[in-house]
Amino acid sequence: MKYKIVPIGENHWAQLPEIHRAAIFAVKDDYYDQKALESWAHGLKPEGYKHSADDGEIFNIAIDENEVPVGFCGYRGYEIMALFVHPEHQNKGVGTALINKALEEILKGRPEKITLTSSHPALSFFQNEGFHVVKEREEITRGGVFIPVYDMEALLQRPPHEGHELELMLAGAKKLSYFADNDPEETFRPYVLSGRIKRFVWQAHTDHLEKRMRESGQIDIVPVTPVIYYLPHAETEKDRLVELLTKHQIYGEHDVKDEREMGELLDYPPYAVKAFMERMRALRQN
C-alpha cells in the first residue's frame, strides 16, 4: 500500500483521536500497564489538536490510497510534539515518512538542534532517526498517571550517530562509521579482534596531507589518519565511501550527489544527510 504525507485538512481533525488511542493501546505491557495506557489516552478530543494548532503546532498526516488518515505528526518551532501511527499501518515506513516531512520543514529555519520527548516504546525509533537521549524523567499523562519519558535531541552541527556508532553497528542499524579524527580504537578493539567489525586505515589521505605539508614547509605538523569501521558484509560500501572521500578530500572534486551518497552510506537519516552536505560545503569554504 502506498501512503502520502499531506498537511492536515479541516475534515481530518475528527480522526486524530482514534489514531492516537489505537497507537497507545497497541503498546506492549512490557512498557506501561493498562492503568498508565488508559491515563495516557484519557480525554483525547479533536478540539485538543485544533487548540494546539492555534498555539502554533503544525500537523501533517499520512493518508492511504483511499485518502483515509492512518497517522499524524505535529511540530512547533524546532520541536517534534507528536508522532502516532495506527497499529494496522505500523512498520510500513509511515512513521519515518511523517518525521522526515516534519524535519524537512523544520530544517528550513536552520536550527542548531531539533528536540522531542519520546515515550519508552518509541525510543529506539527516534534513536534510529538520529536523536540522542538527553534526560530520562517522568511526565504526568492526561489522566493523572506518571509515565517514564525521554527528552531527546538531534544536534545538526555534529554527526547524528556521534558516540553511538558502536552500539548501532552491533545492532545492525549502521554499516559504516567514519572518523576523521578521535579514532575510538580502544572501544572498537574487542570487536575488531573478534571479527564482528573491520577497521580500515585511510593511509592515502595522510600521505596526501604529508606531501602537501612538506611542499608548504609545514614539516612540524603530523596529520591524523582517518579510519573507517565497517561490518564484514559491507566491504563494497566501504570501498565506495573511500572512493567518494578520495574525490572530495584529495582531488577536490565536489559534487552534491556524491555528498548525498556519502551521507546515505553512513546510514544518516534524511535530515542528517542534508546537514552533512551543509558541513561539506562549509569545509570547502574554509
C-alpha atoms as a PDB file:
ATOM      1  CA  MET A   1       0.000   0.000   0.000  1.00  0.00           C
ATOM      2  CA  LYS A   2       1.180   3.496  -0.826  1.00  0.00           C
ATOM      3  CA  TYR A   3       0.908   6.434   1.540  1.00  0.00           C
ATOM      4  CA  LYS A   4       1.075  10.200   1.090  1.00  0.00           C
ATOM      5  CA  ILE A   5       2.106  12.828   3.607  1.00  0.00           C
ATOM      6  CA  VAL A   6      -0.068  15.940   3.362  1.00  0.00           C
ATOM      7  CA  PRO A   7      -0.924  18.959   5.523  1.00  0.00           C
ATOM      8  CA  ILE A   8      -3.907  18.306   7.745  1.00  0.00           C
ATOM      9  CA  GLY A   9      -7.279  19.363   6.376  1.00  0.00           C
ATOM     10  CA  GLU A  10     -10.358  20.552   8.239  1.00  0.00           C
ATOM     11  CA  ASN A  11     -12.057  17.186   7.666  1.00  0.00           C
ATOM     12  CA  HIS A  12      -9.202  15.252   9.306  1.00  0.00           C
ATOM     13  CA  TRP A  13      -9.292  16.537  12.886  1.00  0.00           C
ATOM     14  CA  ALA A  14     -12.074  14.183  13.964  1.00  0.00           C
ATOM     15  CA  GLN A  15      -9.972  11.136  13.057  1.00  0.00           C
ATOM     16  CA  LEU A  16      -6.864  12.024  15.065  1.00  0.00           C
ATOM     17  CA  PRO A  17      -8.159  10.810  18.468  1.00  0.00           C
ATOM     18  CA  GLU A  18      -8.932   7.353  17.051  1.00  0.00           C
ATOM     19  CA  ILE A  19      -5.426   7.035  15.559  1.00  0.00           C
ATOM     20  CA  HIS A  20      -3.884   8.346  18.772  1.00  0.00           C
ATOM     21  CA  ARG A  21      -5.842   5.971  21.041  1.00  0.00           C
ATOM     22  CA  ALA A  22      -5.217   2.939  18.824  1.00  0.00           C
ATOM     23  CA  ALA A  23      -1.469   3.631  18.799  1.00  0.00           C
ATOM     24  CA  ILE A  24      -1.392   3.994  22.591  1.00  0.00           C
ATOM     25  CA  PHE A  25      -3.323   0.797  23.308  1.00  0.00           C
ATOM     26  CA  ALA A  26      -1.111  -1.144  20.891  1.00  0.00           C
ATOM     27  CA  VAL A  27       1.839  -0.557  23.245  1.00  0.00           C
ATOM     28  CA  LYS A  28       3.050  -3.787  24.845  1.00  0.00           C
ATOM     29  CA  ASP A  29       2.623  -4.429  28.559  1.00  0.00           C
ATOM     30  CA  ASP A  30       6.421  -4.558  28.831  1.00  0.00           C
ATOM     31  CA  TYR A  31       6.424  -0.762  28.784  1.00  0.00           C
ATOM     32  CA  TYR A  32       3.307   0.516  30.580  1.00  0.00           C
ATOM     33  CA  ASP A  33       0.466  -1.198  32.452  1.00  0.00           C
ATOM     34  CA  GLN A  34      -3.196  -0.834  31.495  1.00  0.00           C
ATOM     35  CA  LYS A  35      -3.804   1.940  34.005  1.00  0.00           C
ATOM     36  CA  ALA A  36      -0.984   4.001  32.508  1.00  0.00           C
ATOM     37  CA  LEU A  37      -2.254   3.438  28.957  1.00  0.00           C
ATOM     38  CA  GLU A  38      -5.789   4.467  29.876  1.00  0.00           C
ATOM     39  CA  SER A  39      -4.455   7.594  31.558  1.00  0.00           C
ATOM     40  CA  TRP A  40      -2.295   8.389  28.529  1.00  0.00           C
ATOM     41  CA  ALA A  41      -5.291   8.067  26.186  1.00  0.00           C
ATOM     42  CA  HIS A  42      -7.664   9.934  28.504  1.00  0.00           C
ATOM     43  CA  GLY A  43      -9.515  12.960  27.181  1.00  0.00           C
ATOM     44  CA  LEU A  44      -8.389  12.850  23.545  1.00  0.00           C
ATOM     45  CA  LYS A  45     -10.716  15.072  21.506  1.00  0.00           C
ATOM     46  CA  PRO A  46     -10.452  16.787  18.102  1.00  0.00           C
ATOM     47  CA  GLU A  47     -10.650  20.151  19.846  1.00  0.00           C
ATOM     48  CA  GLY A  48      -7.412  19.425  21.675  1.00  0.00           C
ATOM     49  CA  TYR A  49      -5.429  19.086  18.451  1.00  0.00           C
ATOM     50  CA  LYS A  50      -7.097  22.168  16.958  1.00  0.00           C
ATOM     51  CA  HIS A  51      -6.206  24.134  20.087  1.00  0.00           C
ATOM     52  CA  SER A  52      -2.570  23.008  19.673  1.00  0.00           C
ATOM     53  CA  ALA A  53      -2.687  24.171  16.050  1.00  0.00           C
ATOM     54  CA  ASP A  54      -3.989  27.557  17.200  1.00  0.00           C
ATOM     55  CA  ASP A  55      -0.937  27.711  19.500  1.00  0.00           C
ATOM     56  CA  GLY A  56       1.414  27.211  16.558  1.00  0.00           C
ATOM     57  CA  GLU A  57       1.709  23.431  16.200  1.00  0.00           C
ATOM     58  CA  ILE A  58       1.850  22.325  12.561  1.00  0.00           C
ATOM     59  CA  PHE A  59       0.277  18.978  11.674  1.00  0.00           C
ATOM     60  CA  ASN A  60       0.951  16.664   8.747  1.00  0.00           C
ATOM     61  CA  ILE A  61      -0.981  13.448   8.239  1.00  0.00           C
ATOM     62  CA  ALA A  62      -0.340  10.203   6.399  1.00  0.00           C
ATOM     63  CA  ILE A  63      -3.202   9.059   4.177  1.00  0.00           C
ATOM     64  CA  ASP A  64      -3.617   5.691   2.478  1.00  0.00           C
ATOM     65  CA  GLU A  65      -4.696   5.008  -1.097  1.00  0.00           C
ATOM     66  CA  ASN A  66      -8.311   5.739  -0.121  1.00  0.00           C
ATOM     67  CA  GLU A  67      -7.236   9.068   1.412  1.00  0.00           C
ATOM     68  CA  VAL A  68      -8.014   7.789   4.905  1.00  0.00           C
ATOM     69  CA  PRO A  69      -5.715   9.201   7.621  1.00  0.00           C
ATOM     70  CA  VAL A  70      -3.542   6.498   9.217  1.00  0.00           C
ATOM     71  CA  GLY A  71      -1.003   8.587  11.143  1.00  0.00           C
ATOM     72  CA  PHE A  72      -0.057  12.122  12.088  1.00  0.00           C
ATOM     73  CA  CYS A  73       2.906  14.208  13.208  1.00  0.00           C
ATOM     74  CA  GLY A  74       2.887  17.602  14.854  1.00  0.00           C
ATOM     75  CA  TYR A  75       5.750  20.040  15.413  1.00  0.00           C
ATOM     76  CA  ARG A  76       6.105  23.536  16.805  1.00  0.00           C
ATOM     77  CA  GLY A  77       9.210  25.577  16.174  1.00  0.00           C
ATOM     78  CA  TYR A  78      12.141  23.192  16.338  1.00  0.00           C
ATOM     79  CA  GLU A  79      10.379  20.551  18.456  1.00  0.00           C
ATOM     80  CA  ILE A  80       8.527  17.408  17.387  1.00  0.00           C
ATOM     81  CA  MET A  81       5.380  17.444  19.518  1.00  0.00           C
ATOM     82  CA  ALA A  82       3.584  14.249  18.463  1.00  0.00           C
ATOM     83  CA  LEU A  83       4.011  11.252  16.164  1.00  0.00           C
ATOM     84  CA  PHE A  84       1.429   8.458  16.107  1.00  0.00           C
ATOM     85  CA  VAL A  85       0.591   5.790  13.522  1.00  0.00           C
ATOM     86  CA  HIS A  86      -2.417   3.472  13.634  1.00  0.00           C
ATOM     87  CA  PRO A  87      -1.170  -0.033  14.562  1.00  0.00           C
ATOM     88  CA  GLU A  88      -2.557  -1.531  11.346  1.00  0.00           C
ATOM     89  CA  HIS A  89      -0.128   0.659   9.415  1.00  0.00           C
ATOM     90  CA  GLN A  90       2.935   0.490  11.664  1.00  0.00           C
ATOM     91  CA  ASN A  91       6.252  -0.978  10.466  1.00  0.00           C
ATOM     92  CA  LYS A  92       5.475   0.112   6.904  1.00  0.00           C
ATOM     93  CA  GLY A  93       7.552   3.291   6.781  1.00  0.00           C
ATOM     94  CA  VAL A  94       4.682   5.616   7.701  1.00  0.00           C
ATOM     95  CA  GLY A  95       6.304   6.944  10.877  1.00  0.00           C
ATOM     96  CA  THR A  96       9.595   7.543   9.084  1.00  0.00           C
ATOM     97  CA  ALA A  97       7.831   9.374   6.254  1.00  0.00           C
ATOM     98  CA  LEU A  98       5.960  11.561   8.728  1.00  0.00           C
ATOM     99  CA  ILE A  99       9.014  12.564  10.730  1.00  0.00           C
ATOM    100  CA  ASN A 100      11.070  13.116   7.580  1.00  0.00           C
ATOM    101  CA  LYS A 101       8.450  15.562   6.324  1.00  0.00           C
ATOM    102  CA  ALA A 102       8.440  17.408   9.639  1.00  0.00           C
ATOM    103  CA  LEU A 103      12.241  17.537   9.768  1.00  0.00           C
ATOM    104  CA  GLU A 104      12.409  18.774   6.183  1.00  0.00           C
ATOM    105  CA  GLU A 105      10.158  21.688   7.101  1.00  0.00           C
ATOM    106  CA  ILE A 106      11.929  22.385  10.409  1.00  0.00           C
ATOM    107  CA  LEU A 107      15.336  22.486   8.692  1.00  0.00           C
ATOM    108  CA  LYS A 108      14.228  25.493   6.656  1.00  0.00           C
ATOM    109  CA  GLY A 109      14.695  27.507   9.842  1.00  0.00           C
ATOM    110  CA  ARG A 110      18.352  26.379  10.110  1.00  0.00           C
ATOM    111  CA  PRO A 111      18.138  25.289  13.770  1.00  0.00           C
ATOM    112  CA  GLU A 112      21.178  24.159  15.729  1.00  0.00           C
ATOM    113  CA  LYS A 113      19.177  21.247  17.126  1.00  0.00           C
ATOM    114  CA  ILE A 114      15.767  19.588  16.994  1.00  0.00           C
ATOM    115  CA  THR A 115      14.140  18.293  20.165  1.00  0.00           C
ATOM    116  CA  LEU A 116      11.332  15.937  21.178  1.00  0.00           C
ATOM    117  CA  THR A 117      10.031  13.918  24.121  1.00  0.00           C
ATOM    118  CA  SER A 118       9.718  10.182  23.477  1.00  0.00           C
ATOM    119  CA  SER A 119       7.725   7.504  25.224  1.00  0.00           C
ATOM    120  CA  HIS A 120       9.556   4.292  26.113  1.00  0.00           C
ATOM    121  CA  PRO A 121       8.229   2.207  23.161  1.00  0.00           C
ATOM    122  CA  ALA A 122       9.190   4.892  20.619  1.00  0.00           C
ATOM    123  CA  LEU A 123      12.712   5.343  21.973  1.00  0.00           C
ATOM    124  CA  SER A 124      14.516   3.021  19.554  1.00  0.00           C
ATOM    125  CA  PHE A 125      12.629   4.511  16.582  1.00  0.00           C
ATOM    126  CA  PHE A 126      13.856   8.014  17.366  1.00  0.00           C
ATOM    127  CA  GLN A 127      17.370   6.777  18.102  1.00  0.00           C
ATOM    128  CA  ASN A 128      17.449   5.222  14.639  1.00  0.00           C
ATOM    129  CA  GLU A 129      16.366   8.595  13.265  1.00  0.00           C
ATOM    130  CA  GLY A 130      19.453  10.204  14.819  1.00  0.00           C
ATOM    131  CA  PHE A 131      18.086  11.519  18.124  1.00  0.00           C
ATOM    132  CA  HIS A 132      20.032  11.077  21.378  1.00  0.00           C
ATOM    133  CA  VAL A 133      18.659  10.838  24.901  1.00  0.00           C
ATOM    134  CA  VAL A 134      19.392  13.949  26.950  1.00  0.00           C
ATOM    135  CA  LYS A 135      17.360  13.133  30.045  1.00  0.00           C
ATOM    136  CA  GLU A 136      15.075  10.426  31.411  1.00  0.00           C
ATOM    137  CA  ARG A 137      12.220  11.685  33.571  1.00  0.00           C
ATOM    138  CA  GLU A 138       8.575  11.113  34.477  1.00  0.00           C
ATOM    139  CA  GLU A 139       5.706  13.019  32.894  1.00  0.00           C
ATOM    140  CA  ILE A 140       2.106  13.205  34.030  1.00  0.00           C
ATOM    141  CA  THR A 141      -0.425  11.993  31.464  1.00  0.00           C
ATOM    142  CA  ARG A 142      -3.863  13.483  30.796  1.00  0.00           C
ATOM    143  CA  GLY A 143      -5.439  11.047  33.260  1.00  0.00           C
ATOM    144  CA  GLY A 144      -3.034  11.887  36.084  1.00  0.00           C
ATOM    145  CA  VAL A 145      -0.706   8.861  35.974  1.00  0.00           C
ATOM    146  CA  PHE A 146       3.038   9.440  35.651  1.00  0.00           C
ATOM    147  CA  ILE A 147       4.952   7.518  32.954  1.00  0.00           C
ATOM    148  CA  PRO A 148       8.685   7.471  32.109  1.00  0.00           C
ATOM    149  CA  VAL A 149       9.646   9.572  29.088  1.00  0.00           C
ATOM    150  CA  TYR A 150      12.882  10.630  27.409  1.00  0.00           C
ATOM    151  CA  ASP A 151      13.899  14.113  26.346  1.00  0.00           C
ATOM    152  CA  MET A 152      15.851  13.750  23.107  1.00  0.00           C
ATOM    153  CA  GLU A 153      17.685  15.982  20.657  1.00  0.00           C
ATOM    154  CA  ALA A 154      19.406  15.864  17.296  1.00  0.00           C
ATOM    155  CA  LEU A 155      22.382  18.218  17.025  1.00  0.00           C
ATOM    156  CA  LEU A 156      22.666  19.343  13.432  1.00  0.00           C
ATOM    157  CA  GLN A 157      26.250  20.601  13.640  1.00  0.00           C
ATOM    158  CA  ARG A 158      27.616  17.157  14.577  1.00  0.00           C
ATOM    159  CA  PRO A 159      27.236  13.711  13.001  1.00  0.00           C
ATOM    160  CA  PRO A 160      23.893  12.243  14.163  1.00  0.00           C
ATOM    161  CA  HIS A 161      25.391   8.986  15.463  1.00  0.00           C
ATOM    162  CA  GLU A 162      28.271  10.570  17.378  1.00  0.00           C
ATOM    163  CA  GLY A 163      29.055   8.491  20.450  1.00  0.00           C
ATOM    164  CA  HIS A 164      26.625   5.753  19.427  1.00  0.00           C
ATOM    165  CA  GLU A 165      28.406   4.322  16.393  1.00  0.00           C
ATOM    166  CA  LEU A 166      29.460   1.048  18.004  1.00  0.00           C
ATOM    167  CA  GLU A 167      26.045   0.450  19.548  1.00  0.00           C
ATOM    168  CA  LEU A 168      24.306   0.982  16.200  1.00  0.00           C
ATOM    169  CA  MET A 169      26.779  -1.185  14.304  1.00  0.00           C
ATOM    170  CA  LEU A 170      26.444  -4.092  16.726  1.00  0.00           C
ATOM    171  CA  ALA A 171      22.660  -3.842  16.358  1.00  0.00           C
ATOM    172  CA  GLY A 172      22.997  -3.931  12.559  1.00  0.00           C
ATOM    173  CA  ALA A 173      21.478  -0.455  12.216  1.00  0.00           C
ATOM    174  CA  LYS A 174      24.663   1.089  10.784  1.00  0.00           C
ATOM    175  CA  LYS A 175      27.151  -0.470   8.358  1.00  0.00           C
ATOM    176  CA  LEU A 176      29.933   2.149   8.302  1.00  0.00           C
ATOM    177  CA  SER A 177      31.422   4.640  10.743  1.00  0.00           C
ATOM    178  CA  TYR A 178      33.936   7.256   9.583  1.00  0.00           C
ATOM    179  CA  PHE A 179      36.276   9.055  11.974  1.00  0.00           C
ATOM    180  CA  ALA A 180      38.321  11.912  10.540  1.00  0.00           C
ATOM    181  CA  ASP A 181      39.939  12.255  13.970  1.00  0.00           C
ATOM    182  CA  ASN A 182      39.463  10.944  17.519  1.00  0.00           C
ATOM    183  CA  ASP A 183      39.654   7.304  16.444  1.00  0.00           C
ATOM    184  CA  PRO A 184      37.878   5.247  19.179  1.00  0.00           C
ATOM    185  CA  GLU A 185      40.296   2.374  18.612  1.00  0.00           C
ATOM    186  CA  GLU A 186      40.249   1.062  22.185  1.00  0.00           C
ATOM    187  CA  THR A 187      36.456   0.940  22.246  1.00  0.00           C
ATOM    188  CA  PHE A 188      36.224  -0.909  18.941  1.00  0.00           C
ATOM    189  CA  ARG A 189      39.267  -3.158  19.501  1.00  0.00           C
ATOM    190  CA  PRO A 190      37.466  -6.199  21.059  1.00  0.00           C
ATOM    191  CA  TYR A 191      35.010  -6.326  18.173  1.00  0.00           C
ATOM    192  CA  VAL A 192      37.734  -5.892  15.569  1.00  0.00           C
ATOM    193  CA  LEU A 193      39.727  -8.741  17.138  1.00  0.00           C
ATOM    194  CA  SER A 194      36.644 -10.974  17.205  1.00  0.00           C
ATOM    195  CA  GLY A 195      35.868 -10.214  13.559  1.00  0.00           C
ATOM    196  CA  ARG A 196      32.452  -8.661  14.202  1.00  0.00           C
ATOM    197  CA  ILE A 197      33.728  -5.322  12.877  1.00  0.00           C
ATOM    198  CA  LYS A 198      36.531  -4.486  10.453  1.00  0.00           C
ATOM    199  CA  ARG A 199      38.862  -1.479  10.599  1.00  0.00           C
ATOM    200  CA  PHE A 200      40.250   0.378   7.581  1.00  0.00           C
ATOM    201  CA  VAL A 201      43.025   2.951   7.972  1.00  0.00           C
ATOM    202  CA  TRP A 202      42.863   5.564   5.211  1.00  0.00           C
ATOM    203  CA  GLN A 203      46.613   5.985   4.824  1.00  0.00           C
ATOM    204  CA  ALA A 204      46.328   7.529   1.351  1.00  0.00           C
ATOM    205  CA  HIS A 205      44.675  10.576   2.913  1.00  0.00           C
ATOM    206  CA  THR A 206      47.535  11.026   5.385  1.00  0.00           C
ATOM    207  CA  ASP A 207      50.166  10.540   2.674  1.00  0.00           C
ATOM    208  CA  HIS A 208      48.458  13.228   0.601  1.00  0.00           C
ATOM    209  CA  LEU A 209      48.412  15.689   3.505  1.00  0.00           C
ATOM    210  CA  GLU A 210      52.027  14.983   4.430  1.00  0.00           C
ATOM    211  CA  LYS A 211      53.095  15.674   0.856  1.00  0.00           C
ATOM    212  CA  ARG A 212      51.225  18.987   0.804  1.00  0.00           C
ATOM    213  CA  MET A 213      52.722  19.975   4.142  1.00  0.00           C
ATOM    214  CA  ARG A 214      56.256  19.201   3.001  1.00  0.00           C
ATOM    215  CA  GLU A 215      55.691  21.274  -0.109  1.00  0.00           C
ATOM    216  CA  SER A 216      54.477  24.201   2.005  1.00  0.00           C
ATOM    217  CA  GLY A 217      57.231  23.832   4.596  1.00  0.00           C
ATOM    218  CA  GLN A 218      54.897  22.720   7.421  1.00  0.00           C
ATOM    219  CA  ILE A 219      57.082  19.804   8.434  1.00  0.00           C
ATOM    220  CA  ASP A 220      56.291  20.089  12.159  1.00  0.00           C
ATOM    221  CA  ILE A 221      52.611  19.137  11.748  1.00  0.00           C
ATOM    222  CA  VAL A 222      51.641  15.455  11.901  1.00  0.00           C
ATOM    223  CA  PRO A 223      48.292  14.817  10.176  1.00  0.00           C
ATOM    224  CA  VAL A 224      45.745  12.492  11.752  1.00  0.00           C
ATOM    225  CA  THR A 225      44.935   9.353   9.781  1.00  0.00           C
ATOM    226  CA  PRO A 226      41.180   8.838   9.287  1.00  0.00           C
ATOM    227  CA  VAL A 227      39.703   5.394   9.890  1.00  0.00           C
ATOM    228  CA  ILE A 228      36.551   3.588   8.827  1.00  0.00           C
ATOM    229  CA  TYR A 229      34.937   0.841  10.879  1.00  0.00           C
ATOM    230  CA  TYR A 230      32.570  -1.370   8.926  1.00  0.00           C
ATOM    231  CA  LEU A 231      30.594  -4.578   9.168  1.00  0.00           C
ATOM    232  CA  PRO A 232      32.170  -7.587   7.392  1.00  0.00           C
ATOM    233  CA  HIS A 233      29.424  -7.757   4.771  1.00  0.00           C
ATOM    234  CA  ALA A 234      29.813  -4.034   3.936  1.00  0.00           C
ATOM    235  CA  GLU A 235      33.175  -4.218   2.139  1.00  0.00           C
ATOM    236  CA  THR A 236      31.636  -2.864  -1.081  1.00  0.00           C
ATOM    237  CA  GLU A 237      30.037   0.080   0.729  1.00  0.00           C
ATOM    238  CA  LYS A 238      33.339   0.833   2.490  1.00  0.00           C
ATOM    239  CA  ASP A 239      35.192   0.864  -0.837  1.00  0.00           C
ATOM    240  CA  ARG A 240      32.589   3.197  -2.321  1.00  0.00           C
ATOM    241  CA  LEU A 241      32.857   5.574   0.644  1.00  0.00           C
ATOM    242  CA  VAL A 242      36.653   5.681   0.277  1.00  0.00           C
ATOM    243  CA  GLU A 243      36.251   6.378  -3.437  1.00  0.00           C
ATOM    244  CA  LEU A 244      33.901   9.297  -2.759  1.00  0.00           C
ATOM    245  CA  LEU A 245      36.040  10.674   0.070  1.00  0.00           C
ATOM    246  CA  THR A 246      39.107  10.493  -2.184  1.00  0.00           C
ATOM    247  CA  LYS A 247      37.339  12.521  -4.870  1.00  0.00           C
ATOM    248  CA  HIS A 248      36.220  15.063  -2.296  1.00  0.00           C
ATOM    249  CA  GLN A 249      39.219  15.417   0.007  1.00  0.00           C
ATOM    250  CA  ILE A 250      42.205  14.526  -2.174  1.00  0.00           C
ATOM    251  CA  TYR A 251      41.230  15.538  -5.700  1.00  0.00           C
ATOM    252  CA  GLY A 252      38.951  18.402  -4.688  1.00  0.00           C
ATOM    253  CA  GLU A 253      36.065  17.214  -6.849  1.00  0.00           C
ATOM    254  CA  HIS A 254      32.892  18.432  -5.173  1.00  0.00           C
ATOM    255  CA  ASP A 255      29.546  17.032  -6.238  1.00  0.00           C
ATOM    256  CA  VAL A 256      26.256  17.353  -4.369  1.00  0.00           C
ATOM    257  CA  LYS A 257      25.133  13.883  -5.453  1.00  0.00           C
ATOM    258  CA  ASP A 258      28.372  12.403  -4.113  1.00  0.00           C
ATOM    259  CA  GLU A 259      27.914  14.173  -0.794  1.00  0.00           C
ATOM    260  CA  ARG A 260      24.366  12.858  -0.527  1.00  0.00           C
ATOM    261  CA  GLU A 261      25.601   9.347  -1.277  1.00  0.00           C
ATOM    262  CA  MET A 262      28.292   9.658   1.404  1.00  0.00           C
ATOM    263  CA  GLY A 263      25.647  10.576   3.958  1.00  0.00           C
ATOM    264  CA  GLU A 264      23.485   7.656   2.900  1.00  0.00           C
ATOM    265  CA  LEU A 265      26.417   5.221   3.039  1.00  0.00           C
ATOM    266  CA  LEU A 266      26.935   6.312   6.640  1.00  0.00           C
ATOM    267  CA  ASP A 267      23.260   5.453   7.290  1.00  0.00           C
ATOM    268  CA  TYR A 268      22.427   9.000   8.264  1.00  0.00           C
ATOM    269  CA  PRO A 269      18.678   9.760   8.414  1.00  0.00           C
ATOM    270  CA  PRO A 270      17.487  12.091   5.621  1.00  0.00           C
ATOM    271  CA  TYR A 271      17.598  15.256   7.726  1.00  0.00           C
ATOM    272  CA  ALA A 272      21.184  14.439   8.723  1.00  0.00           C
ATOM    273  CA  VAL A 273      22.209  13.811   5.118  1.00  0.00           C
ATOM    274  CA  LYS A 274      21.190  17.401   4.398  1.00  0.00           C
ATOM    275  CA  ALA A 275      23.092  18.637   7.446  1.00  0.00           C
ATOM    276  CA  PHE A 276      26.102  16.554   6.355  1.00  0.00           C
ATOM    277  CA  MET A 277      26.000  18.232   2.937  1.00  0.00           C
ATOM    278  CA  GLU A 278      25.944  21.635   4.632  1.00  0.00           C
ATOM    279  CA  ARG A 279      29.059  20.668   6.635  1.00  0.00           C
ATOM    280  CA  MET A 280      30.792  19.557   3.434  1.00  0.00           C
ATOM    281  CA  ARG A 281      30.006  22.906   1.833  1.00  0.00           C
ATOM    282  CA  ALA A 282      31.321  24.715   4.904  1.00  0.00           C
ATOM    283  CA  LEU A 283      34.570  22.740   4.725  1.00  0.00           C
ATOM    284  CA  ARG A 284      35.033  23.768   1.099  1.00  0.00           C
ATOM    285  CA  GLN A 285      34.641  27.433   2.021  1.00  0.00           C
ATOM    286  CA  ASN A 286      37.265  27.283   4.810  1.00  0.00           C
END
